[in-house]
Amino acid sequence: AKASNSQPKFGIVTWHTEGFNQRGEAVIAFRRTNLVRRRAG
């Protein structure tokens, strides 16, 4: 996770998700960002 500048105990994670139909064609794709607590150490 990339460290958050404003909240050092948290990191920024970006997820990319894709969905395909039965023919293997991409029918949805999106990216989302979450703030997650970072591990100590």
PDB file of N, CA and C in Angstrom:
ATOM      1  N   ALA A   1       0.841  -1.183   0.000  1.00  0.00           N
ATOM      2  CA  ALA A   1       0.000   0.000   0.000  1.00  0.00           C
ATOM      3  C   ALA A   1       0.882   1.241   0.000  1.00  0.00           C
ATOM      4  N   LYS A   2       0.452   2.227  -0.731  1.00  0.00           N
ATOM      5  CA  LYS A   2       1.153   3.509  -0.743  1.00  0.00           C
ATOM      6  C   LYS A   2       0.761   4.251   0.529  1.00  0.00           C
ATOM      7  N   ALA A   3       1.734   4.786   1.254  1.00  0.00           N
ATOM      8  CA  ALA A   3       1.451   5.490   2.501  1.00  0.00           C
ATOM      9  C   ALA A   3       0.612   6.737   2.232  1.00  0.00           C
ATOM     10  N   SER A   4      -0.352   6.961   3.108  1.00  0.00           N
ATOM     11  CA  SER A   4      -1.173   8.163   3.020  1.00  0.00           C
ATOM     12  C   SER A   4      -0.399   9.328   3.623  1.00  0.00           C
ATOM     13  N   ASN A   5      -0.354  10.457   2.937  1.00  0.00           N
ATOM     14  CA  ASN A   5       0.358  11.628   3.459  1.00  0.00           C
ATOM     15  C   ASN A   5      -0.345  12.229   4.663  1.00  0.00           C
ATOM     16  N   SER A   6      -1.663  12.212   4.679  1.00  0.00           N
ATOM     17  CA  SER A   6      -2.411  12.844   5.763  1.00  0.00           C
ATOM     18  C   SER A   6      -2.651  11.914   6.950  1.00  0.00           C
ATOM     19  N   GLN A   7      -2.594  10.585   6.721  1.00  0.00           N
ATOM     20  CA  GLN A   7      -2.835   9.619   7.793  1.00  0.00           C
ATOM     21  C   GLN A   7      -1.779   8.520   7.702  1.00  0.00           C
ATOM     22  N   PRO A   8      -0.613   8.712   8.330  1.00  0.00           N
ATOM     23  CA  PRO A   8       0.510   7.786   8.168  1.00  0.00           C
ATOM     24  C   PRO A   8       0.242   6.341   8.596  1.00  0.00           C
ATOM     25  N   LYS A   9      -0.746   6.097   9.442  1.00  0.00           N
ATOM     26  CA  LYS A   9      -1.060   4.728   9.870  1.00  0.00           C
ATOM     27  C   LYS A   9      -1.878   3.983   8.819  1.00  0.00           C
ATOM     28  N   PHE A  10      -2.221   4.670   7.752  1.00  0.00           N
ATOM     29  CA  PHE A  10      -3.041   4.082   6.699  1.00  0.00           C
ATOM     30  C   PHE A  10      -2.314   4.117   5.364  1.00  0.00           C
ATOM     31  N   GLY A  11      -2.729   3.238   4.483  1.00  0.00           N
ATOM     32  CA  GLY A  11      -2.177   3.206   3.139  1.00  0.00           C
ATOM     33  C   GLY A  11      -3.295   3.247   2.115  1.00  0.00           C
ATOM     34  N   ILE A  12      -2.935   3.611   0.904  1.00  0.00           N
ATOM     35  CA  ILE A  12      -3.895   3.712  -0.187  1.00  0.00           C
ATOM     36  C   ILE A  12      -3.686   2.526  -1.123  1.00  0.00           C
ATOM     37  N   VAL A  13      -4.751   1.770  -1.349  1.00  0.00           N
ATOM     38  CA  VAL A  13      -4.699   0.605  -2.231  1.00  0.00           C
ATOM     39  C   VAL A  13      -5.675   0.844  -3.381  1.00  0.00           C
ATOM     40  N   THR A  14      -5.213   0.620  -4.604  1.00  0.00           N
ATOM     41  CA  THR A  14      -6.070   0.750  -5.781  1.00  0.00           C
ATOM     42  C   THR A  14      -6.346  -0.641  -6.336  1.00  0.00           C
ATOM     43  N   TRP A  15      -7.618  -0.956  -6.540  1.00  0.00           N
ATOM     44  CA  TRP A  15      -8.064  -2.250  -7.054  1.00  0.00           C
ATOM     45  C   TRP A  15      -8.578  -2.061  -8.472  1.00  0.00           C
ATOM     46  N   HIS A  16      -8.284  -2.988  -9.338  1.00  0.00           N
ATOM     47  CA  HIS A  16      -8.827  -2.979 -10.704  1.00  0.00           C
ATOM     48  C   HIS A  16      -9.603  -4.281 -10.885  1.00  0.00           C
ATOM     49  N   THR A  17     -10.855  -4.154 -11.271  1.00  0.00           N
ATOM     50  CA  THR A  17     -11.731  -5.316 -11.421  1.00  0.00           C
ATOM     51  C   THR A  17     -12.297  -5.351 -12.838  1.00  0.00           C
ATOM     52  N   GLU A  18     -12.327  -6.537 -13.421  1.00  0.00           N
ATOM     53  CA  GLU A  18     -12.904  -6.721 -14.753  1.00  0.00           C
ATOM     54  C   GLU A  18     -13.883  -7.889 -14.709  1.00  0.00           C
ATOM     55  N   GLY A  19     -14.949  -7.787 -15.468  1.00  0.00           N
ATOM     56  CA  GLY A  19     -15.912  -8.878 -15.584  1.00  0.00           C
ATOM     57  C   GLY A  19     -16.112  -9.234 -17.047  1.00  0.00           C
ATOM     58  N   PHE A  20     -16.270 -10.531 -17.308  1.00  0.00           N
ATOM     59  CA  PHE A  20     -16.391 -11.028 -18.680  1.00  0.00           C
ATOM     60  C   PHE A  20     -17.656 -11.860 -18.829  1.00  0.00           C
ATOM     61  N   ASN A  21     -18.239 -11.834 -20.017  1.00  0.00           N
ATOM     62  CA  ASN A  21     -19.407 -12.670 -20.284  1.00  0.00           C
ATOM     63  C   ASN A  21     -18.964 -14.059 -20.742  1.00  0.00           C
ATOM     64  N   GLN A  22     -19.930 -14.887 -21.086  1.00  0.00           N
ATOM     65  CA  GLN A  22     -19.645 -16.273 -21.454  1.00  0.00           C
ATOM     66  C   GLN A  22     -18.838 -16.399 -22.745  1.00  0.00           C
ATOM     67  N   ARG A  23     -18.779 -15.327 -23.536  1.00  0.00           N
ATOM     68  CA  ARG A  23     -17.981 -15.342 -24.773  1.00  0.00           C
ATOM     69  C   ARG A  23     -16.574 -14.783 -24.553  1.00  0.00           C
ATOM     70  N   GLY A  24     -16.259 -14.454 -23.306  1.00  0.00           N
ATOM     71  CA  GLY A  24     -14.935 -13.928 -22.996  1.00  0.00           C
ATOM     72  C   GLY A  24     -14.772 -12.447 -23.292  1.00  0.00           C
ATOM     73  N   GLU A  25     -15.884 -11.769 -23.547  1.00  0.00           N
ATOM     74  CA  GLU A  25     -15.840 -10.342 -23.843  1.00  0.00           C
ATOM     75  C   GLU A  25     -15.931  -9.546 -22.545  1.00  0.00           C
ATOM     76  N   ALA A  26     -15.107  -8.523 -22.430  1.00  0.00           N
ATOM     77  CA  ALA A  26     -15.157  -7.658 -21.248  1.00  0.00           C
ATOM     78  C   ALA A  26     -16.476  -6.891 -21.261  1.00  0.00           C
ATOM     79  N   VAL A  27     -17.232  -6.977 -20.169  1.00  0.00           N
ATOM     80  CA  VAL A  27     -18.516  -6.285 -20.095  1.00  0.00           C
ATOM     81  C   VAL A  27     -18.527  -5.218 -19.005  1.00  0.00           C
ATOM     82  N   ILE A  28     -17.553  -5.265 -18.116  1.00  0.00           N
ATOM     83  CA  ILE A  28     -17.437  -4.245 -17.080  1.00  0.00           C
ATOM     84  C   ILE A  28     -15.980  -4.166 -16.641  1.00  0.00           C
ATOM     85  N   ALA A  29     -15.553  -2.967 -16.348  1.00  0.00           N
ATOM     86  CA  ALA A  29     -14.213  -2.758 -15.801  1.00  0.00           C
ATOM     87  C   ALA A  29     -14.266  -1.499 -14.949  1.00  0.00           C
ATOM     88  N   PHE A  30     -13.726  -1.585 -13.756  1.00  0.00           N
ATOM     89  CA  PHE A  30     -13.692  -0.397 -12.913  1.00  0.00           C
ATOM     90  C   PHE A  30     -12.495  -0.443 -11.982  1.00  0.00           C
ATOM     91  N   ARG A  31     -12.135   0.721 -11.489  1.00  0.00           N
ATOM     92  CA  ARG A  31     -11.018   0.875 -10.572  1.00  0.00           C
ATOM     93  C   ARG A  31     -11.557   1.573  -9.328  1.00  0.00           C
ATOM     94  N   ARG A  32     -11.146   1.101  -8.168  1.00  0.00           N
ATOM     95  CA  ARG A  32     -11.574   1.751  -6.929  1.00  0.00           C
ATOM     96  C   ARG A  32     -10.374   1.901  -6.008  1.00  0.00           C
ATOM     97  N   THR A  33     -10.455   2.845  -5.120  1.00  0.00           N
ATOM     98  CA  THR A  33      -9.364   3.136  -4.195  1.00  0.00           C
ATOM     99  C   THR A  33      -9.892   3.017  -2.775  1.00  0.00           C
ATOM    100  N   ASN A  34      -9.126   2.345  -1.921  1.00  0.00           N
ATOM    101  CA  ASN A  34      -9.505   2.169  -0.525  1.00  0.00           C
ATOM    102  C   ASN A  34      -8.383   2.637   0.384  1.00  0.00           C
ATOM    103  N   LEU A  35      -8.769   3.113   1.551  1.00  0.00           N
ATOM    104  CA  LEU A  35      -7.827   3.475   2.600  1.00  0.00           C
ATOM    105  C   LEU A  35      -7.808   2.319   3.591  1.00  0.00           C
ATOM    106  N   VAL A  36      -6.643   1.714   3.819  1.00  0.00           N
ATOM    107  CA  VAL A  36      -6.536   0.550   4.701  1.00  0.00           C
ATOM    108  C   VAL A  36      -5.468   0.784   5.759  1.00  0.00           C
ATOM    109  N   ARG A  37      -5.680   0.175   6.924  1.00  0.00           N
ATOM    110  CA  ARG A  37      -4.699   0.291   7.999  1.00  0.00           C
ATOM    111  C   ARG A  37      -3.437  -0.464   7.613  1.00  0.00           C
ATOM    112  N   ARG A  38      -2.281   0.166   7.833  1.00  0.00           N
ATOM    113  CA  ARG A  38      -1.001  -0.457   7.504  1.00  0.00           C
ATOM    114  C   ARG A  38      -0.533  -1.332   8.662  1.00  0.00           C
ATOM    115  N   ARG A  39       0.235  -2.359   8.338  1.00  0.00           N
ATOM    116  CA  ARG A  39       0.808  -3.236   9.358  1.00  0.00           C
ATOM    117  C   ARG A  39       1.957  -2.533  10.069  1.00  0.00           C
ATOM    118  N   ALA A  40       2.126  -2.852  11.335  1.00  0.00           N
ATOM    119  CA  ALA A  40       3.260  -2.309  12.089  1.00  0.00           C
ATOM    120  C   ALA A  40       4.553  -2.932  11.572  1.00  0.00           C
ATOM    121  N   GLY A  41       5.617  -2.142  11.548  1.00  0.00           N
ATOM    122  CA  GLY A  41       6.922  -2.668  11.142  1.00  0.00           C
ATOM    123  C   GLY A  41       7.144  -2.469   9.724  1.00  0.00           C
TER     124      GLY A  41
END
